[in-house]
């Protein structure tokens, strides 16, 4: 999870990347490299805790 320019490389290497668009925003390169986007870090953590919610989000 991340939202800064420095997170973009990590997102490219990760199996699952979650961009967080908070009040401060999110770097475009990080957003474009993410698999999922959330508006609150708690929502991102809840996706990991309740992993069954990831299935419809990542379905092709």
C-alpha atoms as a PDB file:
ATOM      1  CA  UNK A   1       0.000   0.000   0.000  1.00  0.00           C
ATOM      2  CA  UNK A   2       1.158   3.484  -0.757  1.00  0.00           C
ATOM      3  CA  UNK A   3       0.504   6.755  -2.491  1.00  0.00           C
ATOM      4  CA  UNK A   4       3.857   8.403  -3.144  1.00  0.00           C
ATOM      5  CA  UNK A   5       6.225   8.488  -6.088  1.00  0.00           C
ATOM      6  CA  UNK A   6       8.666   6.415  -4.034  1.00  0.00           C
ATOM      7  CA  UNK A   7       6.091   3.570  -3.861  1.00  0.00           C
ATOM      8  CA  UNK A   8       5.888   3.079  -7.635  1.00  0.00           C
ATOM      9  CA  UNK A   9       8.886   0.736  -7.898  1.00  0.00           C
ATOM     10  CA  UNK A  10       7.571  -1.345  -4.997  1.00  0.00           C
ATOM     11  CA  UNK A  11       4.195  -1.586  -6.765  1.00  0.00           C
ATOM     12  CA  UNK A  12       5.842  -2.889  -9.939  1.00  0.00           C
ATOM     13  CA  UNK A  13       7.563  -5.672  -7.963  1.00  0.00           C
ATOM     14  CA  UNK A  14       4.643  -6.597  -5.678  1.00  0.00           C
ATOM     15  CA  UNK A  15       2.159  -9.388  -6.355  1.00  0.00           C
ATOM     16  CA  UNK A  16      -0.647  -7.120  -5.131  1.00  0.00           C
ATOM     17  CA  UNK A  17      -0.433  -3.340  -4.908  1.00  0.00           C
ATOM     18  CA  UNK A  18      -3.020  -1.055  -3.356  1.00  0.00           C
ATOM     19  CA  UNK A  19      -2.924   2.689  -3.999  1.00  0.00           C
ATOM     20  CA  UNK A  20      -4.432   4.901  -1.336  1.00  0.00           C
ATOM     21  CA  UNK A  21      -5.941   8.190  -2.481  1.00  0.00           C
ATOM     22  CA  UNK A  22      -6.259  10.143   0.738  1.00  0.00           C
ATOM     23  CA  UNK A  23      -6.704  13.827   1.398  1.00  0.00           C
ATOM     24  CA  UNK A  24      -3.137  14.426   0.217  1.00  0.00           C
ATOM     25  CA  UNK A  25      -3.810  12.642  -3.081  1.00  0.00           C
ATOM     26  CA  UNK A  26      -1.754   9.986  -4.848  1.00  0.00           C
ATOM     27  CA  UNK A  27       1.106  10.135  -7.333  1.00  0.00           C
ATOM     28  CA  UNK A  28      -0.134   9.336 -10.842  1.00  0.00           C
ATOM     29  CA  UNK A  29       2.701   6.852 -11.560  1.00  0.00           C
ATOM     30  CA  UNK A  30       1.820   4.965  -8.371  1.00  0.00           C
ATOM     31  CA  UNK A  31      -1.881   5.006  -9.153  1.00  0.00           C
ATOM     32  CA  UNK A  32      -1.259   3.654 -12.656  1.00  0.00           C
ATOM     33  CA  UNK A  33       0.997   0.886 -11.265  1.00  0.00           C
ATOM     34  CA  UNK A  34      -1.543  -0.284  -8.681  1.00  0.00           C
ATOM     35  CA  UNK A  35      -3.866  -3.265  -8.896  1.00  0.00           C
ATOM     36  CA  UNK A  36      -6.493  -1.755  -6.592  1.00  0.00           C
ATOM     37  CA  UNK A  37      -7.282   1.782  -5.464  1.00  0.00           C
ATOM     38  CA  UNK A  38      -8.938   2.730  -2.184  1.00  0.00           C
ATOM     39  CA  UNK A  39      -9.716   6.065  -0.546  1.00  0.00           C
ATOM     40  CA  UNK A  40      -8.718   5.060   2.985  1.00  0.00           C
ATOM     41  CA  UNK A  41      -5.887   2.875   4.281  1.00  0.00           C
ATOM     42  CA  UNK A  42      -8.352   1.095   6.600  1.00  0.00           C
ATOM     43  CA  UNK A  43     -10.334  -0.012   3.532  1.00  0.00           C
ATOM     44  CA  UNK A  44      -7.119  -1.404   2.029  1.00  0.00           C
ATOM     45  CA  UNK A  45      -6.263  -3.275   5.213  1.00  0.00           C
ATOM     46  CA  UNK A  46      -9.796  -4.659   5.385  1.00  0.00           C
ATOM     47  CA  UNK A  47      -9.353  -6.057   1.865  1.00  0.00           C
ATOM     48  CA  UNK A  48      -6.337  -8.004   3.117  1.00  0.00           C
ATOM     49  CA  UNK A  49      -8.091  -9.197   6.268  1.00  0.00           C
ATOM     50  CA  UNK A  50     -11.259 -10.183   4.375  1.00  0.00           C
ATOM     51  CA  UNK A  51      -9.475 -11.558   1.333  1.00  0.00           C
ATOM     52  CA  UNK A  52     -12.706 -12.905  -0.202  1.00  0.00           C
ATOM     53  CA  UNK A  53     -13.502  -9.272  -1.077  1.00  0.00           C
ATOM     54  CA  UNK A  54     -10.491  -9.230  -3.417  1.00  0.00           C
ATOM     55  CA  UNK A  55     -11.951 -11.860  -5.745  1.00  0.00           C
ATOM     56  CA  UNK A  56     -14.566  -9.652  -7.470  1.00  0.00           C
ATOM     57  CA  UNK A  57     -12.152  -6.708  -7.499  1.00  0.00           C
ATOM     58  CA  UNK A  58      -9.401  -8.606  -9.318  1.00  0.00           C
ATOM     59  CA  UNK A  59     -11.594 -10.783 -11.551  1.00  0.00           C
ATOM     60  CA  UNK A  60     -10.829 -10.495 -15.278  1.00  0.00           C
END
